[in-house]
C-alpha atoms as a PDB file:
ATOM      1  CA  GLN A   1     -58.911  27.859  79.603  1.00  0.00           C
ATOM      2  CA  VAL A   2     -61.015  30.885  80.500  1.00  0.00           C
ATOM      3  CA  GLN A   3     -61.793  31.128  84.179  1.00  0.00           C
ATOM      4  CA  LEU A   4     -64.813  32.944  85.532  1.00  0.00           C
ATOM      5  CA  VAL A   5     -64.325  33.489  89.258  1.00  0.00           C
ATOM      6  CA  GLU A   6     -67.571  33.511  91.231  1.00  0.00           C
ATOM      7  CA  SER A   7     -68.105  34.619  94.789  1.00  0.00           C
ATOM      8  CA  GLY A   8     -70.857  35.645  97.175  1.00  0.00           C
ATOM      9  CA  GLY A   9     -73.109  32.628  97.555  1.00  0.00           C
ATOM     10  CA  GLY A  10     -74.212  31.296 100.910  1.00  0.00           C
ATOM     11  CA  LEU A  11     -77.079  30.842 103.333  1.00  0.00           C
ATOM     12  CA  VAL A  12     -79.586  33.603 104.015  1.00  0.00           C
ATOM     13  CA  GLN A  13     -83.006  33.817 105.617  1.00  0.00           C
ATOM     14  CA  SER A  14     -86.114  34.496 103.598  1.00  0.00           C
ATOM     15  CA  GLY A  15     -86.413  38.210 102.916  1.00  0.00           C
ATOM     16  CA  GLY A  16     -82.672  38.707 103.071  1.00  0.00           C
ATOM     17  CA  SER A  17     -80.122  39.736 100.481  1.00  0.00           C
ATOM     18  CA  LEU A  18     -77.022  38.370  98.831  1.00  0.00           C
ATOM     19  CA  ARG A  19     -74.612  39.776  96.280  1.00  0.00           C
ATOM     20  CA  LEU A  20     -72.976  37.506  93.736  1.00  0.00           C
ATOM     21  CA  SER A  21     -69.876  38.535  91.821  1.00  0.00           C
ATOM     22  CA  CYS A  22     -68.225  37.111  88.722  1.00  0.00           C
ATOM     23  CA  ALA A  23     -64.756  38.269  87.693  1.00  0.00           C
ATOM     24  CA  ALA A  24     -63.540  37.650  84.163  1.00  0.00           C
ATOM     25  CA  PRO A  25     -60.325  38.109  82.179  1.00  0.00           C
ATOM     26  CA  PRO A  26     -60.104  41.571  80.593  1.00  0.00           C
ATOM     27  CA  ASP A  27     -60.860  40.520  77.027  1.00  0.00           C
ATOM     28  CA  ILE A  28     -63.899  38.527  78.136  1.00  0.00           C
ATOM     29  CA  TYR A  29     -65.222  41.307  80.347  1.00  0.00           C
ATOM     30  CA  ALA A  30     -64.848  43.891  77.588  1.00  0.00           C
ATOM     31  CA  ARG A  31     -66.471  41.962  74.748  1.00  0.00           C
ATOM     32  CA  TYR A  32     -68.855  39.337  76.114  1.00  0.00           C
ATOM     33  CA  LYS A  33     -72.384  39.472  77.380  1.00  0.00           C
ATOM     34  CA  MET A  34     -72.186  38.313  80.988  1.00  0.00           C
ATOM     35  CA  GLY A  35     -74.574  37.331  83.692  1.00  0.00           C
ATOM     36  CA  TRP A  36     -76.160  34.589  85.732  1.00  0.00           C
ATOM     37  CA  TYR A  37     -78.171  31.436  85.305  1.00  0.00           C
ATOM     38  CA  ARG A  38     -79.394  29.129  88.039  1.00  0.00           C
ATOM     39  CA  GLN A  39     -80.127  25.440  88.357  1.00  0.00           C
ATOM     40  CA  VAL A  40     -82.129  23.398  90.842  1.00  0.00           C
ATOM     41  CA  GLY A  41     -81.149  19.755  91.009  1.00  0.00           C
ATOM     42  CA  GLU A  42     -81.183  18.148  87.568  1.00  0.00           C
ATOM     43  CA  ASN A  43     -83.526  20.742  86.110  1.00  0.00           C
ATOM     44  CA  GLU A  44     -82.412  22.817  83.151  1.00  0.00           C
ATOM     45  CA  ARG A  45     -80.464  25.963  83.911  1.00  0.00           C
ATOM     46  CA  GLU A  46     -82.608  29.063  83.687  1.00  0.00           C
ATOM     47  CA  LEU A  47     -81.784  32.660  82.986  1.00  0.00           C
ATOM     48  CA  VAL A  48     -81.583  35.002  85.949  1.00  0.00           C
ATOM     49  CA  ALA A  49     -80.076  38.158  84.441  1.00  0.00           C
ATOM     50  CA  MET A  50     -77.592  39.152  81.760  1.00  0.00           C
ATOM     51  CA  ILE A  51     -75.832  42.404  80.820  1.00  0.00           C
ATOM     52  CA  THR A  52     -74.001  43.365  77.640  1.00  0.00           C
ATOM     53  CA  TRP A  53     -70.716  45.265  77.458  1.00  0.00           C
ATOM     54  CA  ILE A  54     -72.671  48.443  76.742  1.00  0.00           C
ATOM     55  CA  GLY A  55     -74.968  47.938  79.710  1.00  0.00           C
ATOM     56  CA  THR A  56     -78.117  46.513  78.160  1.00  0.00           C
ATOM     57  CA  MET A  57     -79.790  44.357  80.795  1.00  0.00           C
ATOM     58  CA  GLU A  58     -82.092  41.354  80.576  1.00  0.00           C
ATOM     59  CA  TYR A  59     -83.972  39.856  83.528  1.00  0.00           C
ATOM     60  CA  ALA A  60     -86.060  36.786  84.095  1.00  0.00           C
ATOM     61  CA  THR A  61     -89.587  37.626  85.195  1.00  0.00           C
ATOM     62  CA  PHE A  62     -88.964  36.282  88.704  1.00  0.00           C
ATOM     63  CA  ALA A  63     -85.908  38.524  89.035  1.00  0.00           C
ATOM     64  CA  GLU A  64     -87.463  41.819  87.956  1.00  0.00           C
ATOM     65  CA  GLY A  65     -87.838  44.240  90.839  1.00  0.00           C
ATOM     66  CA  ARG A  66     -85.803  42.079  93.238  1.00  0.00           C
ATOM     67  CA  PHE A  67     -82.471  41.472  91.518  1.00  0.00           C
ATOM     68  CA  THR A  68     -80.097  44.023  89.992  1.00  0.00           C
ATOM     69  CA  ILE A  69     -77.244  43.209  87.654  1.00  0.00           C
ATOM     70  CA  SER A  70     -74.381  45.624  87.153  1.00  0.00           C
ATOM     71  CA  ARG A  71     -70.932  45.929  85.647  1.00  0.00           C
ATOM     72  CA  ASP A  72     -67.822  46.882  87.649  1.00  0.00           C
ATOM     73  CA  ASP A  73     -65.178  48.262  85.309  1.00  0.00           C
ATOM     74  CA  VAL A  74     -62.614  48.675  88.109  1.00  0.00           C
ATOM     75  CA  HIS A  75     -62.643  44.998  89.018  1.00  0.00           C
ATOM     76  CA  GLN A  76     -63.770  43.667  85.623  1.00  0.00           C
ATOM     77  CA  ALA A  77     -66.629  41.891  87.264  1.00  0.00           C
ATOM     78  CA  VAL A  78     -70.371  41.558  87.010  1.00  0.00           C
ATOM     79  CA  HIS A  79     -72.425  41.737  90.191  1.00  0.00           C
ATOM     80  CA  LEU A  80     -75.887  40.422  90.948  1.00  0.00           C
ATOM     81  CA  GLN A  81     -77.562  42.075  93.904  1.00  0.00           C
ATOM     82  CA  MET A  82     -80.386  39.833  95.091  1.00  0.00           C
ATOM     83  CA  ASP A  83     -82.935  41.299  97.497  1.00  0.00           C
ATOM     84  CA  SER A  84     -86.156  39.960  98.992  1.00  0.00           C
ATOM     85  CA  LEU A  85     -84.928  36.424  98.563  1.00  0.00           C
ATOM     86  CA  ASN A  86     -87.346  33.570  99.091  1.00  0.00           C
ATOM     87  CA  VAL A  87     -87.059  29.801  99.405  1.00  0.00           C
ATOM     88  CA  GLU A  88     -87.762  29.379  95.687  1.00  0.00           C
ATOM     89  CA  ASP A  89     -84.519  31.218  94.916  1.00  0.00           C
ATOM     90  CA  THR A  90     -82.494  28.358  96.391  1.00  0.00           C
ATOM     91  CA  ALA A  91     -80.281  27.033  93.595  1.00  0.00           C
ATOM     92  CA  VAL A  92     -76.763  26.811  92.262  1.00  0.00           C
ATOM     93  CA  TYR A  93     -76.028  30.072  90.479  1.00  0.00           C
ATOM     94  CA  TYR A  94     -73.682  29.975  87.490  1.00  0.00           C
ATOM     95  CA  CYS A  95     -71.864  32.848  85.881  1.00  0.00           C
ATOM     96  CA  LYS A  96     -72.060  32.817  82.088  1.00  0.00           C
ATOM     97  CA  ALA A  97     -70.118  34.711  79.444  1.00  0.00           C
ATOM     98  CA  GLU A  98     -71.404  34.738  75.846  1.00  0.00           C
ATOM     99  CA  LYS A  99     -69.483  35.981  72.828  1.00  0.00           C
ATOM    100  CA  GLN A 100     -71.872  38.039  70.725  1.00  0.00           C
ATOM    101  CA  THR A 101     -70.116  37.737  67.385  1.00  0.00           C
ATOM    102  CA  TRP A 102     -69.348  34.731  65.204  1.00  0.00           C
ATOM    103  CA  PRO A 103     -68.099  32.226  66.130  1.00  0.00           C
ATOM    104  CA  GLN A 104     -70.226  31.967  69.229  1.00  0.00           C
ATOM    105  CA  VAL A 105     -68.375  30.955  72.360  1.00  0.00           C
ATOM    106  CA  THR A 106     -69.799  30.386  75.820  1.00  0.00           C
ATOM    107  CA  TYR A 107     -68.009  30.040  79.145  1.00  0.00           C
ATOM    108  CA  TRP A 108     -69.463  28.970  82.480  1.00  0.00           C
ATOM    109  CA  GLY A 109     -68.278  29.421  86.015  1.00  0.00           C
ATOM    110  CA  GLN A 110     -68.180  26.539  88.460  1.00  0.00           C
ATOM    111  CA  GLY A 111     -71.313  27.626  90.261  1.00  0.00           C
ATOM    112  CA  THR A 112     -72.031  28.982  93.703  1.00  0.00           C
ATOM    113  CA  GLN A 113     -74.718  27.682  96.047  1.00  0.00           C
ATOM    114  CA  VAL A 114     -77.420  30.035  97.252  1.00  0.00           C
ATOM    115  CA  THR A 115     -79.659  28.665  99.991  1.00  0.00           C
ATOM    116  CA  VAL A 116     -82.611  30.620 101.351  1.00  0.00           C
ATOM    117  CA  SER A 117     -84.126  29.312 104.567  1.00  0.00           C
ATOM    118  CA  SER A 118     -87.689  29.947 105.696  1.00  0.00           C
END
């Protein structure tokens, strides 16, 4: 069973910052597209940001200009720096790893709570 290890969630005031991290096994980190989705209650999970193994990045509109995704080759982790957080960013954030070649495989982390207070 592949384990994606998430860290960095918590409580922050509006306007503050948080940094999420997701560590993956070496073969996953090297070959999968990785990133973050978020979910509020029973709503569908939505894309936050993703990055490929060659560094191509994809951001949701709400994340552009506030969030930065990056790869950490030393720790085999993907980081999400979140700045200028607002109450609407409150959600459970999930790390996702997607295999880009057939057969498609997807792994999810357990989720980390991010709460932004006003």
